[in-house]
Amino acid sequence: MKVRVQFFSHLKDVARTSTMDMEVPESAKVSDLLEILYARTPGLRDWDGSILIGAGVEFVARDYVLRPNEEISIMPPVQGG
């Protein structure tokens, strides 16, 4: 199934794009998507421990099951100031 991944902040630079359409297996979880992303763009793995993942307007955990045509956001940690 197809999902669209959006990258934010400096992760756009690491991924060299702001969006990426990806094919994942049916019933794939966010953790599966991340492994596919890391294989394609190894530099993203350096951020694995701190990235935030959103589905629609909600933050989700790595065990979240993806839905067809869903938009997934990959963001660095939020910083205040």
PDB file of N, CA and C in Angstrom:
ATOM      1  N   MET A   1       0.847  -1.169   0.000  1.00  0.00           N
ATOM      2  CA  MET A   1       0.000   0.000   0.000  1.00  0.00           C
ATOM      3  C   MET A   1       0.892   1.231   0.000  1.00  0.00           C
ATOM      4  N   LYS A   2       0.314   2.340  -0.399  1.00  0.00           N
ATOM      5  CA  LYS A   2       1.071   3.576  -0.533  1.00  0.00           C
ATOM      6  C   LYS A   2       0.826   4.485   0.671  1.00  0.00           C
ATOM      7  N   VAL A   3       1.906   5.105   1.166  1.00  0.00           N
ATOM      8  CA  VAL A   3       1.812   6.166   2.164  1.00  0.00           C
ATOM      9  C   VAL A   3       2.720   7.304   1.712  1.00  0.00           C
ATOM     10  N   ARG A   4       2.401   8.502   2.166  1.00  0.00           N
ATOM     11  CA  ARG A   4       3.235   9.669   1.855  1.00  0.00           C
ATOM     12  C   ARG A   4       3.948  10.084   3.129  1.00  0.00           C
ATOM     13  N   VAL A   5       5.252  10.239   3.041  1.00  0.00           N
ATOM     14  CA  VAL A   5       6.060  10.652   4.183  1.00  0.00           C
ATOM     15  C   VAL A   5       6.485  12.097   3.965  1.00  0.00           C
ATOM     16  N   GLN A   6       6.287  12.914   4.989  1.00  0.00           N
ATOM     17  CA  GLN A   6       6.712  14.307   4.955  1.00  0.00           C
ATOM     18  C   GLN A   6       7.824  14.492   5.980  1.00  0.00           C
ATOM     19  N   PHE A   7       8.879  15.174   5.555  1.00  0.00           N
ATOM     20  CA  PHE A   7      10.015  15.444   6.435  1.00  0.00           C
ATOM     21  C   PHE A   7      10.013  16.919   6.808  1.00  0.00           C
ATOM     22  N   PHE A   8      10.376  17.218   8.043  1.00  0.00           N
ATOM     23  CA  PHE A   8      10.374  18.588   8.530  1.00  0.00           C
ATOM     24  C   PHE A   8      11.739  18.994   9.057  1.00  0.00           C
ATOM     25  N   SER A   9      11.963  20.298   9.042  1.00  0.00           N
ATOM     26  CA  SER A   9      13.174  20.921   9.581  1.00  0.00           C
ATOM     27  C   SER A   9      14.411  20.337   8.902  1.00  0.00           C
ATOM     28  N   HIS A  10      15.456  20.095   9.678  1.00  0.00           N
ATOM     29  CA  HIS A  10      16.710  19.624   9.079  1.00  0.00           C
ATOM     30  C   HIS A  10      16.623  18.188   8.560  1.00  0.00           C
ATOM     31  N   LEU A  11      15.557  17.457   8.902  1.00  0.00           N
ATOM     32  CA  LEU A  11      15.401  16.110   8.347  1.00  0.00           C
ATOM     33  C   LEU A  11      15.106  16.151   6.850  1.00  0.00           C
ATOM     34  N   LYS A  12      14.562  17.287   6.370  1.00  0.00           N
ATOM     35  CA  LYS A  12      14.399  17.465   4.915  1.00  0.00           C
ATOM     36  C   LYS A  12      15.756  17.450   4.229  1.00  0.00           C
ATOM     37  N   ASP A  13      16.745  18.068   4.866  1.00  0.00           N
ATOM     38  CA  ASP A  13      18.093  18.096   4.296  1.00  0.00           C
ATOM     39  C   ASP A  13      18.701  16.694   4.281  1.00  0.00           C
ATOM     40  N   VAL A  14      18.500  15.960   5.359  1.00  0.00           N
ATOM     41  CA  VAL A  14      19.044  14.593   5.438  1.00  0.00           C
ATOM     42  C   VAL A  14      18.400  13.709   4.378  1.00  0.00           C
ATOM     43  N   ALA A  15      17.079  13.823   4.228  1.00  0.00           N
ATOM     44  CA  ALA A  15      16.355  12.999   3.255  1.00  0.00           C
ATOM     45  C   ALA A  15      16.491  13.520   1.829  1.00  0.00           C
ATOM     46  N   ARG A  16      16.947  14.769   1.690  1.00  0.00           N
ATOM     47  CA  ARG A  16      17.092  15.438   0.398  1.00  0.00           C
ATOM     48  C   ARG A  16      15.767  15.609  -0.340  1.00  0.00           C
ATOM     49  N   THR A  17      14.691  15.690   0.450  1.00  0.00           N
ATOM     50  CA  THR A  17      13.363  15.933  -0.097  1.00  0.00           C
ATOM     51  C   THR A  17      12.436  16.309   1.050  1.00  0.00           C
ATOM     52  N   SER A  18      11.335  16.941   0.727  1.00  0.00           N
ATOM     53  CA  SER A  18      10.364  17.248   1.779  1.00  0.00           C
ATOM     54  C   SER A  18       9.251  16.199   1.850  1.00  0.00           C
ATOM     55  N   THR A  19       9.031  15.485   0.755  1.00  0.00           N
ATOM     56  CA  THR A  19       8.028  14.418   0.747  1.00  0.00           C
ATOM     57  C   THR A  19       8.541  13.220  -0.040  1.00  0.00           C
ATOM     58  N   MET A  20       8.021  12.068   0.315  1.00  0.00           N
ATOM     59  CA  MET A  20       8.410  10.841  -0.360  1.00  0.00           C
ATOM     60  C   MET A  20       7.199   9.900  -0.342  1.00  0.00           C
ATOM     61  N   ASP A  21       6.794   9.421  -1.510  1.00  0.00           N
ATOM     62  CA  ASP A  21       5.745   8.408  -1.584  1.00  0.00           C
ATOM     63  C   ASP A  21       6.407   7.047  -1.464  1.00  0.00           C
ATOM     64  N   MET A  22       5.855   6.213  -0.589  1.00  0.00           N
ATOM     65  CA  MET A  22       6.483   4.923  -0.321  1.00  0.00           C
ATOM     66  C   MET A  22       5.454   3.804  -0.380  1.00  0.00           C
ATOM     67  N   GLU A  23       5.920   2.653  -0.800  1.00  0.00           N
ATOM     68  CA  GLU A  23       5.111   1.440  -0.772  1.00  0.00           C
ATOM     69  C   GLU A  23       5.526   0.630   0.450  1.00  0.00           C
ATOM     70  N   VAL A  24       4.543   0.234   1.231  1.00  0.00           N
ATOM     71  CA  VAL A  24       4.786  -0.602   2.410  1.00  0.00           C
ATOM     72  C   VAL A  24       3.814  -1.768   2.363  1.00  0.00           C
ATOM     73  N   PRO A  25       4.136  -2.869   3.027  1.00  0.00           N
ATOM     74  CA  PRO A  25       3.204  -4.001   3.053  1.00  0.00           C
ATOM     75  C   PRO A  25       1.908  -3.643   3.778  1.00  0.00           C
ATOM     76  N   GLU A  26       0.829  -4.327   3.428  1.00  0.00           N
ATOM     77  CA  GLU A  26      -0.432  -4.167   4.162  1.00  0.00           C
ATOM     78  C   GLU A  26      -0.159  -4.458   5.637  1.00  0.00           C
ATOM     79  N   SER A  27      -0.827  -3.741   6.514  1.00  0.00           N
ATOM     80  CA  SER A  27      -0.694  -3.887   7.967  1.00  0.00           C
ATOM     81  C   SER A  27       0.682  -3.507   8.496  1.00  0.00           C
ATOM     82  N   ALA A  28       1.458  -2.758   7.701  1.00  0.00           N
ATOM     83  CA  ALA A  28       2.768  -2.307   8.167  1.00  0.00           C
ATOM     84  C   ALA A  28       2.588  -1.316   9.312  1.00  0.00           C
ATOM     85  N   LYS A  29       3.548  -1.316  10.205  1.00  0.00           N
ATOM     86  CA  LYS A  29       3.565  -0.385  11.326  1.00  0.00           C
ATOM     87  C   LYS A  29       4.566   0.729  11.037  1.00  0.00           C
ATOM     88  N   VAL A  30       4.517   1.771  11.845  1.00  0.00           N
ATOM     89  CA  VAL A  30       5.483   2.859  11.711  1.00  0.00           C
ATOM     90  C   VAL A  30       6.903   2.309  11.786  1.00  0.00           C
ATOM     91  N   SER A  31       7.151   1.356  12.669  1.00  0.00           N
ATOM     92  CA  SER A  31       8.497   0.786  12.795  1.00  0.00           C
ATOM     93  C   SER A  31       8.956   0.139  11.489  1.00  0.00           C
ATOM     94  N   ASP A  32       8.041  -0.495  10.757  1.00  0.00           N
ATOM     95  CA  ASP A  32       8.379  -1.088   9.455  1.00  0.00           C
ATOM     96  C   ASP A  32       8.722   0.010   8.450  1.00  0.00           C
ATOM     97  N   LEU A  33       7.923   1.065   8.445  1.00  0.00           N
ATOM     98  CA  LEU A  33       8.181   2.188   7.555  1.00  0.00           C
ATOM     99  C   LEU A  33       9.547   2.793   7.835  1.00  0.00           C
ATOM    100  N   LEU A  34       9.876   2.970   9.110  1.00  0.00           N
ATOM    101  CA  LEU A  34      11.176   3.546   9.458  1.00  0.00           C
ATOM    102  C   LEU A  34      12.328   2.688   8.945  1.00  0.00           C
ATOM    103  N   GLU A  35      12.210   1.382   9.058  1.00  0.00           N
ATOM    104  CA  GLU A  35      13.285   0.507   8.567  1.00  0.00           C
ATOM    105  C   GLU A  35      13.459   0.640   7.061  1.00  0.00           C
ATOM    106  N   ILE A  36      12.359   0.771   6.329  1.00  0.00           N
ATOM    107  CA  ILE A  36      12.435   0.981   4.880  1.00  0.00           C
ATOM    108  C   ILE A  36      13.097   2.322   4.591  1.00  0.00           C
ATOM    109  N   LEU A  37      12.699   3.358   5.334  1.00  0.00           N
ATOM    110  CA  LEU A  37      13.308   4.683   5.160  1.00  0.00           C
ATOM    111  C   LEU A  37      14.805   4.646   5.456  1.00  0.00           C
ATOM    112  N   TYR A  38      15.200   3.980   6.531  1.00  0.00           N
ATOM    113  CA  TYR A  38      16.615   3.923   6.908  1.00  0.00           C
ATOM    114  C   TYR A  38      17.444   3.168   5.866  1.00  0.00           C
ATOM    115  N   ALA A  39      16.852   2.174   5.239  1.00  0.00           N
ATOM    116  CA  ALA A  39      17.567   1.451   4.184  1.00  0.00           C
ATOM    117  C   ALA A  39      17.782   2.358   2.969  1.00  0.00           C
ATOM    118  N   ARG A  40      16.792   3.195   2.662  1.00  0.00           N
ATOM    119  CA  ARG A  40      16.881   4.120   1.526  1.00  0.00           C
ATOM    120  C   ARG A  40      17.762   5.326   1.819  1.00  0.00           C
ATOM    121  N   THR A  41      17.673   5.820   3.037  1.00  0.00           N
ATOM    122  CA  THR A  41      18.359   7.047   3.437  1.00  0.00           C
ATOM    123  C   THR A  41      19.030   6.802   4.787  1.00  0.00           C
ATOM    124  N   PRO A  42      20.198   6.166   4.781  1.00  0.00           N
ATOM    125  CA  PRO A  42      20.843   5.768   6.032  1.00  0.00           C
ATOM    126  C   PRO A  42      21.084   6.897   7.030  1.00  0.00           C
ATOM    127  N   GLY A  43      21.261   8.123   6.570  1.00  0.00           N
ATOM    128  CA  GLY A  43      21.502   9.240   7.474  1.00  0.00           C
ATOM    129  C   GLY A  43      20.349   9.507   8.435  1.00  0.00           C
ATOM    130  N   LEU A  44      19.148   9.089   8.068  1.00  0.00           N
ATOM    131  CA  LEU A  44      18.003   9.288   8.953  1.00  0.00           C
ATOM    132  C   LEU A  44      18.104   8.438  10.216  1.00  0.00           C
ATOM    133  N   ARG A  45      18.793   7.302  10.127  1.00  0.00           N
ATOM    134  CA  ARG A  45      18.925   6.413  11.290  1.00  0.00           C
ATOM    135  C   ARG A  45      19.621   7.124  12.451  1.00  0.00           C
ATOM    136  N   ASP A  46      20.484   8.076  12.157  1.00  0.00           N
ATOM    137  CA  ASP A  46      21.168   8.817  13.217  1.00  0.00           C
ATOM    138  C   ASP A  46      20.181   9.550  14.128  1.00  0.00           C
ATOM    139  N   TRP A  47      18.986   9.817  13.640  1.00  0.00           N
ATOM    140  CA  TRP A  47      17.967  10.549  14.387  1.00  0.00           C
ATOM    141  C   TRP A  47      16.935   9.629  15.024  1.00  0.00           C
ATOM    142  N   ASP A  48      17.110   8.323  14.899  1.00  0.00           N
ATOM    143  CA  ASP A  48      16.109   7.352  15.330  1.00  0.00           C
ATOM    144  C   ASP A  48      15.658   7.541  16.783  1.00  0.00           C
ATOM    145  N   GLY A  49      16.554   7.839  17.666  1.00  0.00           N
ATOM    146  CA  GLY A  49      16.201   7.946  19.080  1.00  0.00           C
ATOM    147  C   GLY A  49      15.437   9.194  19.452  1.00  0.00           C
ATOM    148  N   SER A  50      15.364  10.155  18.539  1.00  0.00           N
ATOM    149  CA  SER A  50      14.745  11.424  18.929  1.00  0.00           C
ATOM    150  C   SER A  50      13.631  11.916  18.003  1.00  0.00           C
ATOM    151  N   ILE A  51      13.385  11.245  16.892  1.00  0.00           N
ATOM    152  CA  ILE A  51      12.360  11.745  15.979  1.00  0.00           C
ATOM    153  C   ILE A  51      10.956  11.567  16.553  1.00  0.00           C
ATOM    154  N   LEU A  52      10.073  12.443  16.099  1.00  0.00           N
ATOM    155  CA  LEU A  52       8.654  12.345  16.414  1.00  0.00           C
ATOM    156  C   LEU A  52       7.930  11.940  15.137  1.00  0.00           C
ATOM    157  N   ILE A  53       6.890  11.122  15.289  1.00  0.00           N
ATOM    158  CA  ILE A  53       6.149  10.638  14.134  1.00  0.00           C
ATOM    159  C   ILE A  53       4.691  11.041  14.292  1.00  0.00           C
ATOM    160  N   GLY A  54       4.148  11.622  13.238  1.00  0.00           N
ATOM    161  CA  GLY A  54       2.749  12.013  13.248  1.00  0.00           C
ATOM    162  C   GLY A  54       1.994  11.329  12.133  1.00  0.00           C
ATOM    163  N   ALA A  55       0.736  11.006  12.413  1.00  0.00           N
ATOM    164  CA  ALA A  55      -0.187  10.487  11.397  1.00  0.00           C
ATOM    165  C   ALA A  55      -1.375  11.433  11.411  1.00  0.00           C
ATOM    166  N   GLY A  56      -1.560  12.153  10.317  1.00  0.00           N
ATOM    167  CA  GLY A  56      -2.585  13.184  10.316  1.00  0.00           C
ATOM    168  C   GLY A  56      -2.179  14.292  11.269  1.00  0.00           C
ATOM    169  N   VAL A  57      -2.997  14.576  12.265  1.00  0.00           N
ATOM    170  CA  VAL A  57      -2.690  15.642  13.222  1.00  0.00           C
ATOM    171  C   VAL A  57      -2.320  15.100  14.604  1.00  0.00           C
ATOM    172  N   GLU A  58      -2.068  13.800  14.706  1.00  0.00           N
ATOM    173  CA  GLU A  58      -1.751  13.168  15.989  1.00  0.00           C
ATOM    174  C   GLU A  58      -0.351  12.584  15.978  1.00  0.00           C
ATOM    175  N   PHE A  59       0.343  12.683  17.109  1.00  0.00           N
ATOM    176  CA  PHE A  59       1.592  11.949  17.263  1.00  0.00           C
ATOM    177  C   PHE A  59       1.246  10.490  17.499  1.00  0.00           C
ATOM    178  N   VAL A  60       2.057   9.586  16.916  1.00  0.00           N
ATOM    179  CA  VAL A  60       1.787   8.155  17.045  1.00  0.00           C
ATOM    180  C   VAL A  60       3.054   7.423  17.481  1.00  0.00           C
ATOM    181  N   ALA A  61       2.849   6.248  18.050  1.00  0.00           N
ATOM    182  CA  ALA A  61       3.955   5.386  18.472  1.00  0.00           C
ATOM    183  C   ALA A  61       4.415   4.515  17.304  1.00  0.00           C
ATOM    184  N   ARG A  62       5.519   3.873  17.507  1.00  0.00           N
ATOM    185  CA  ARG A  62       6.085   3.035  16.442  1.00  0.00           C
ATOM    186  C   ARG A  62       5.273   1.781  16.155  1.00  0.00           C
ATOM    187  N   ASP A  63       4.366   1.409  17.055  1.00  0.00           N
ATOM    188  CA  ASP A  63       3.516   0.242  16.797  1.00  0.00           C
ATOM    189  C   ASP A  63       2.193   0.620  16.118  1.00  0.00           C
ATOM    190  N   TYR A  64       2.046   1.882  15.751  1.00  0.00           N
ATOM    191  CA  TYR A  64       0.861   2.357  15.036  1.00  0.00           C
ATOM    192  C   TYR A  64       0.788   1.674  13.672  1.00  0.00           C
ATOM    193  N   VAL A  65      -0.389   1.123  13.342  1.00  0.00           N
ATOM    194  CA  VAL A  65      -0.591   0.444  12.059  1.00  0.00           C
ATOM    195  C   VAL A  65      -0.976   1.478  11.003  1.00  0.00           C
ATOM    196  N   LEU A  66      -0.219   1.503   9.923  1.00  0.00           N
ATOM    197  CA  LEU A  66      -0.433   2.465   8.843  1.00  0.00           C
ATOM    198  C   LEU A  66      -1.691   2.131   8.049  1.00  0.00           C
ATOM    199  N   ARG A  67      -2.294   3.183   7.494  1.00  0.00           N
ATOM    200  CA  ARG A  67      -3.483   3.032   6.653  1.00  0.00           C
ATOM    201  C   ARG A  67      -3.135   3.433   5.227  1.00  0.00           C
ATOM    202  N   PRO A  68      -3.833   2.876   4.231  1.00  0.00           N
ATOM    203  CA  PRO A  68      -3.556   3.247   2.841  1.00  0.00           C
ATOM    204  C   PRO A  68      -3.694   4.754   2.622  1.00  0.00           C
ATOM    205  N   ASN A  69      -2.763   5.308   1.864  1.00  0.00           N
ATOM    206  CA  ASN A  69      -2.745   6.722   1.473  1.00  0.00           C
ATOM    207  C   ASN A  69      -2.617   7.694   2.648  1.00  0.00           C
ATOM    208  N   GLU A  70      -2.147   7.206   3.763  1.00  0.00           N
ATOM    209  CA  GLU A  70      -1.984   8.054   4.944  1.00  0.00           C
ATOM    210  C   GLU A  70      -0.767   8.953   4.782  1.00  0.00           C
ATOM    211  N   GLU A  71      -0.819  10.134   5.403  1.00  0.00           N
ATOM    212  CA  GLU A  71       0.323  11.037   5.424  1.00  0.00           C
ATOM    213  C   GLU A  71       1.008  10.917   6.778  1.00  0.00           C
ATOM    214  N   ILE A  72       2.287  10.579   6.732  1.00  0.00           N
ATOM    215  CA  ILE A  72       3.083  10.389   7.940  1.00  0.00           C
ATOM    216  C   ILE A  72       4.133  11.494   7.991  1.00  0.00           C
ATOM    217  N   SER A  73       4.224  12.155   9.126  1.00  0.00           N
ATOM    218  CA  SER A  73       5.188  13.236   9.315  1.00  0.00           C
ATOM    219  C   SER A  73       6.345  12.742  10.164  1.00  0.00           C
ATOM    220  N   ILE A  74       7.559  13.040   9.709  1.00  0.00           N
ATOM    221  CA  ILE A  74       8.778  12.693  10.446  1.00  0.00           C
ATOM    222  C   ILE A  74       9.424  14.009  10.860  1.00  0.00           C
ATOM    223  N   MET A  75       9.517  14.221  12.181  1.00  0.00           N
ATOM    224  CA  MET A  75       9.985  15.515  12.691  1.00  0.00           C
ATOM    225  C   MET A  75      11.095  15.330  13.722  1.00  0.00           C
ATOM    226  N   PRO A  76      11.986  16.302  13.794  1.00  0.00           N
ATOM    227  CA  PRO A  76      12.957  16.292  14.877  1.00  0.00           C
ATOM    228  C   PRO A  76      12.249  16.688  16.172  1.00  0.00           C
ATOM    229  N   PRO A  77      12.893  16.512  17.310  1.00  0.00           N
ATOM    230  CA  PRO A  77      12.250  16.903  18.564  1.00  0.00           C
ATOM    231  C   PRO A  77      11.892  18.393  18.560  1.00  0.00           C
ATOM    232  N   VAL A  78      10.800  18.710  19.214  1.00  0.00           N
ATOM    233  CA  VAL A  78      10.357  20.094  19.313  1.00  0.00           C
ATOM    234  C   VAL A  78      11.179  20.789  20.386  1.00  0.00           C
ATOM    235  N   GLN A  79      11.655  21.995  20.064  1.00  0.00           N
ATOM    236  CA  GLN A  79      12.438  22.755  21.021  1.00  0.00           C
ATOM    237  C   GLN A  79      11.734  24.062  21.317  1.00  0.00           C
ATOM    238  N   GLY A  80      11.762  24.441  22.549  1.00  0.00           N
ATOM    239  CA  GLY A  80      11.159  25.716  22.940  1.00  0.00           C
ATOM    240  C   GLY A  80      12.222  26.783  23.111  1.00  0.00           C
ATOM    241  N   GLY A  81      11.791  27.975  23.401  1.00  0.00           N
ATOM    242  CA  GLY A  81      12.787  29.012  23.555  1.00  0.00           C
ATOM    243  C   GLY A  81      12.341  30.194  24.286  1.00  0.00           C
TER     244      GLY A  81
END
